[in-house]
Every structure is written in C-alpha cells, then in structure tokens.
Amino acid sequence: MTTPTTIDISIDTLTLGEAEQLEDMLGASLSTLADVSQVKLIRSLATLTAQRTDPDFTYEDTADLLLSDMAANLEGGADTDPA
C-alpha cells in the first residue's frame, strides 16, 4: 500500500456506490452530514477516494495523514456550514 500525499476528498466526485459506502461508514445519510463528526467524514472520504487507485487502502491508513494534505472540497452534496 502506498500512502498518498494529497487526496481530493470532493463529495461531488463520488459515485453512487461510493456515496452509499460513505453513508454506511458514517451511519448517517448524506442529508445529515452537517451532524456527523467532520474528522470522521474527512477520513471516510479520504478512504473511499484512495481506494480508487489502491483497493487495499483502509480507514485506519488515514490516521497518519495530515489534515492540511486533504484537498478538501466539502461543498458538494450537503451543506456543512452551520451558519
């Protein structure tokens, strides 16, 4: 397994299958993303995105990734801004 240095975690690029996996990982629907742990959301998105090129990449592999290395674009799909 090669740990990527930067992962694009855009919700907009998820397939329907990945979106369903994301809901399963979070135990929440996409419509309630504002209510889930943002770190768990980012780790779950990083896992799903990394698995596109490395199927052996796991959720646990995200523990050592830097938050600053996530090319975060969480604007798609759900409103994560509480304002």
N, C-alpha and C. Protein backbone atom coordinates (compact mmCIF):
# COMPACT_ATOMS: atom_id res chain seq x y z
N MET A 1 0.82 -1.17 0.00
CA MET A 1 0.00 0.00 0.00
C MET A 1 0.87 1.24 0.00
N THR A 2 0.57 2.15 -0.90
CA THR A 2 1.27 3.42 -0.96
C THR A 2 0.37 4.50 -0.40
N THR A 3 0.83 5.19 0.61
CA THR A 3 0.03 6.25 1.21
C THR A 3 0.15 7.50 0.36
N PRO A 4 -0.99 7.99 -0.17
CA PRO A 4 -0.93 9.20 -0.99
C PRO A 4 -0.57 10.40 -0.14
N THR A 5 0.04 11.40 -0.76
CA THR A 5 0.40 12.60 -0.01
C THR A 5 -0.73 13.61 0.00
N THR A 6 -1.53 13.64 -1.06
CA THR A 6 -2.67 14.53 -1.14
C THR A 6 -3.84 13.76 -1.70
N ILE A 7 -5.00 13.92 -1.11
CA ILE A 7 -6.19 13.23 -1.57
C ILE A 7 -7.29 14.26 -1.80
N ASP A 8 -7.88 14.25 -2.98
CA ASP A 8 -9.01 15.12 -3.28
C ASP A 8 -10.25 14.46 -2.69
N ILE A 9 -10.84 15.07 -1.69
CA ILE A 9 -11.96 14.45 -0.99
C ILE A 9 -13.28 15.14 -1.34
N SER A 10 -13.45 15.50 -2.58
CA SER A 10 -14.65 16.18 -3.02
C SER A 10 -15.85 15.24 -3.02
N ILE A 11 -16.91 15.64 -2.36
CA ILE A 11 -18.14 14.85 -2.35
C ILE A 11 -18.73 14.79 -3.76
N ASP A 12 -18.52 15.83 -4.54
CA ASP A 12 -19.08 15.90 -5.89
C ASP A 12 -18.58 14.80 -6.81
N THR A 13 -17.43 14.21 -6.51
CA THR A 13 -16.87 13.19 -7.40
C THR A 13 -17.23 11.77 -7.00
N LEU A 14 -18.03 11.59 -5.95
CA LEU A 14 -18.40 10.24 -5.51
C LEU A 14 -19.36 9.59 -6.51
N THR A 15 -19.16 8.31 -6.73
CA THR A 15 -20.13 7.54 -7.49
C THR A 15 -21.29 7.22 -6.56
N LEU A 16 -22.38 6.73 -7.10
CA LEU A 16 -23.50 6.35 -6.25
C LEU A 16 -23.09 5.24 -5.28
N GLY A 17 -22.28 4.31 -5.76
CA GLY A 17 -21.80 3.24 -4.89
C GLY A 17 -20.94 3.76 -3.76
N GLU A 18 -20.07 4.71 -4.07
CA GLU A 18 -19.22 5.31 -3.04
C GLU A 18 -20.06 6.12 -2.05
N ALA A 19 -21.10 6.80 -2.55
CA ALA A 19 -21.97 7.57 -1.67
C ALA A 19 -22.69 6.64 -0.69
N GLU A 20 -23.11 5.49 -1.18
CA GLU A 20 -23.75 4.52 -0.29
C GLU A 20 -22.76 3.98 0.74
N GLN A 21 -21.52 3.71 0.30
CA GLN A 21 -20.49 3.27 1.23
C GLN A 21 -20.23 4.33 2.28
N LEU A 22 -20.20 5.60 1.87
CA LEU A 22 -19.97 6.70 2.80
C LEU A 22 -21.06 6.72 3.86
N GLU A 23 -22.32 6.58 3.44
CA GLU A 23 -23.40 6.55 4.40
C GLU A 23 -23.23 5.39 5.38
N ASP A 24 -22.83 4.23 4.87
CA ASP A 24 -22.60 3.07 5.73
C ASP A 24 -21.46 3.33 6.72
N MET A 25 -20.38 3.95 6.24
CA MET A 25 -19.23 4.22 7.11
C MET A 25 -19.60 5.20 8.23
N LEU A 26 -20.44 6.18 7.89
CA LEU A 26 -20.78 7.23 8.85
C LEU A 26 -21.99 6.88 9.70
N GLY A 27 -22.76 5.91 9.24
CA GLY A 27 -24.00 5.60 9.95
C GLY A 27 -25.00 6.74 9.86
N ALA A 28 -24.94 7.49 8.76
CA ALA A 28 -25.81 8.65 8.57
C ALA A 28 -26.04 8.85 7.08
N SER A 29 -27.15 9.50 6.75
CA SER A 29 -27.43 9.77 5.34
C SER A 29 -26.70 11.03 4.89
N LEU A 30 -26.56 11.18 3.58
CA LEU A 30 -25.89 12.36 3.06
C LEU A 30 -26.61 13.65 3.46
N SER A 31 -27.91 13.57 3.65
CA SER A 31 -28.68 14.76 4.02
C SER A 31 -28.39 15.24 5.43
N THR A 32 -27.71 14.42 6.24
CA THR A 32 -27.42 14.81 7.63
C THR A 32 -25.92 14.96 7.88
N LEU A 33 -25.14 15.20 6.84
CA LEU A 33 -23.68 15.29 7.01
C LEU A 33 -23.26 16.40 7.98
N ALA A 34 -24.05 17.44 8.07
CA ALA A 34 -23.70 18.53 8.99
C ALA A 34 -23.71 18.08 10.44
N ASP A 35 -24.37 16.95 10.72
CA ASP A 35 -24.49 16.46 12.09
C ASP A 35 -23.45 15.41 12.46
N VAL A 36 -22.61 14.99 11.53
CA VAL A 36 -21.62 13.95 11.83
C VAL A 36 -20.25 14.57 12.11
N SER A 37 -19.40 13.79 12.74
CA SER A 37 -18.04 14.23 13.02
C SER A 37 -17.33 14.60 11.72
N GLN A 38 -16.84 15.82 11.64
CA GLN A 38 -16.17 16.28 10.42
C GLN A 38 -14.87 15.51 10.16
N VAL A 39 -14.18 15.12 11.23
CA VAL A 39 -12.94 14.34 11.05
C VAL A 39 -13.28 12.96 10.50
N LYS A 40 -14.32 12.35 11.03
CA LYS A 40 -14.73 11.04 10.52
C LYS A 40 -15.19 11.15 9.07
N LEU A 41 -15.88 12.23 8.73
CA LEU A 41 -16.29 12.46 7.35
C LEU A 41 -15.07 12.58 6.43
N ILE A 42 -14.10 13.37 6.83
CA ILE A 42 -12.90 13.55 6.01
C ILE A 42 -12.13 12.24 5.87
N ARG A 43 -11.99 11.51 6.97
CA ARG A 43 -11.28 10.22 6.91
C ARG A 43 -12.02 9.23 6.01
N SER A 44 -13.33 9.22 6.09
CA SER A 44 -14.12 8.30 5.27
C SER A 44 -14.01 8.67 3.79
N LEU A 45 -14.10 9.97 3.48
CA LEU A 45 -13.94 10.40 2.10
C LEU A 45 -12.54 10.10 1.57
N ALA A 46 -11.53 10.31 2.41
CA ALA A 46 -10.16 10.00 2.01
C ALA A 46 -10.00 8.51 1.72
N THR A 47 -10.62 7.68 2.54
CA THR A 47 -10.54 6.23 2.34
C THR A 47 -11.16 5.85 1.01
N LEU A 48 -12.38 6.31 0.76
CA LEU A 48 -13.07 5.96 -0.48
C LEU A 48 -12.33 6.45 -1.71
N THR A 49 -11.81 7.68 -1.64
CA THR A 49 -11.09 8.24 -2.77
C THR A 49 -9.78 7.50 -3.03
N ALA A 50 -9.03 7.19 -1.98
CA ALA A 50 -7.76 6.48 -2.13
C ALA A 50 -7.97 5.06 -2.65
N GLN A 51 -9.09 4.45 -2.30
CA GLN A 51 -9.37 3.08 -2.75
C GLN A 51 -9.61 2.99 -4.25
N ARG A 52 -9.83 4.11 -4.92
CA ARG A 52 -9.97 4.09 -6.38
C ARG A 52 -8.69 3.62 -7.04
N THR A 53 -7.56 4.00 -6.47
CA THR A 53 -6.27 3.61 -7.05
C THR A 53 -5.56 2.54 -6.24
N ASP A 54 -5.96 2.36 -4.98
CA ASP A 54 -5.35 1.35 -4.12
C ASP A 54 -6.45 0.65 -3.31
N PRO A 55 -7.00 -0.44 -3.85
CA PRO A 55 -8.11 -1.12 -3.17
C PRO A 55 -7.76 -1.62 -1.76
N ASP A 56 -6.49 -1.74 -1.44
CA ASP A 56 -6.08 -2.20 -0.11
C ASP A 56 -6.01 -1.08 0.92
N PHE A 57 -6.22 0.16 0.50
CA PHE A 57 -6.19 1.30 1.42
C PHE A 57 -7.36 1.18 2.38
N THR A 58 -7.11 1.41 3.67
CA THR A 58 -8.16 1.26 4.68
C THR A 58 -8.38 2.57 5.45
N TYR A 59 -9.49 2.60 6.16
CA TYR A 59 -9.81 3.74 7.03
C TYR A 59 -8.67 3.98 8.01
N GLU A 60 -8.12 2.91 8.55
CA GLU A 60 -7.02 3.02 9.51
C GLU A 60 -5.79 3.69 8.89
N ASP A 61 -5.61 3.51 7.58
CA ASP A 61 -4.46 4.12 6.90
C ASP A 61 -4.55 5.65 6.88
N THR A 62 -5.72 6.20 7.12
CA THR A 62 -5.86 7.66 7.09
C THR A 62 -5.39 8.33 8.39
N ALA A 63 -5.16 7.56 9.42
CA ALA A 63 -4.83 8.13 10.73
C ALA A 63 -3.59 9.01 10.72
N ASP A 64 -2.63 8.69 9.86
CA ASP A 64 -1.39 9.45 9.84
C ASP A 64 -1.35 10.54 8.77
N LEU A 65 -2.43 10.68 8.01
CA LEU A 65 -2.48 11.74 7.00
C LEU A 65 -2.66 13.09 7.68
N LEU A 66 -2.06 14.10 7.13
CA LEU A 66 -2.21 15.45 7.67
C LEU A 66 -3.47 16.09 7.12
N LEU A 67 -4.19 16.75 7.98
CA LEU A 67 -5.40 17.44 7.55
C LEU A 67 -5.09 18.44 6.44
N SER A 68 -3.94 19.08 6.53
CA SER A 68 -3.55 20.06 5.51
C SER A 68 -3.28 19.43 4.15
N ASP A 69 -3.08 18.10 4.11
CA ASP A 69 -2.85 17.41 2.85
C ASP A 69 -4.14 16.99 2.15
N MET A 70 -5.25 17.20 2.80
CA MET A 70 -6.53 16.87 2.19
C MET A 70 -6.95 18.05 1.32
N ALA A 71 -7.13 17.79 0.04
CA ALA A 71 -7.60 18.84 -0.88
C ALA A 71 -9.11 18.93 -0.71
N ALA A 72 -9.51 19.47 0.43
CA ALA A 72 -10.92 19.43 0.85
C ALA A 72 -11.81 20.30 -0.02
N ASN A 73 -12.87 19.70 -0.47
CA ASN A 73 -13.93 20.41 -1.17
C ASN A 73 -15.22 19.75 -0.70
N LEU A 74 -15.72 20.16 0.44
CA LEU A 74 -16.88 19.53 1.04
C LEU A 74 -18.17 20.27 0.70
N GLU A 75 -18.13 21.11 -0.33
CA GLU A 75 -19.29 21.93 -0.66
C GLU A 75 -20.36 21.15 -1.39
N GLY A 76 -20.02 20.09 -2.07
CA GLY A 76 -20.99 19.36 -2.86
C GLY A 76 -21.87 18.47 -2.01
N GLY A 77 -23.10 18.30 -2.45
CA GLY A 77 -23.99 17.33 -1.84
C GLY A 77 -24.69 17.79 -0.58
N ALA A 78 -24.00 18.35 0.37
CA ALA A 78 -24.65 18.70 1.63
C ALA A 78 -24.09 20.02 2.15
N ASP A 79 -24.91 20.72 2.87
CA ASP A 79 -24.49 21.97 3.48
C ASP A 79 -23.81 21.67 4.80
N THR A 80 -22.47 21.81 4.83
CA THR A 80 -21.73 21.52 6.06
C THR A 80 -21.41 22.78 6.84
N ASP A 81 -21.89 23.93 6.35
CA ASP A 81 -21.66 25.20 7.04
C ASP A 81 -22.84 25.47 7.98
N PRO A 82 -22.58 25.48 9.29
CA PRO A 82 -23.68 25.66 10.24
C PRO A 82 -24.28 27.05 10.22
N ALA A 83 -23.69 28.00 9.53
CA ALA A 83 -24.18 29.38 9.52
C ALA A 83 -25.43 29.56 8.71
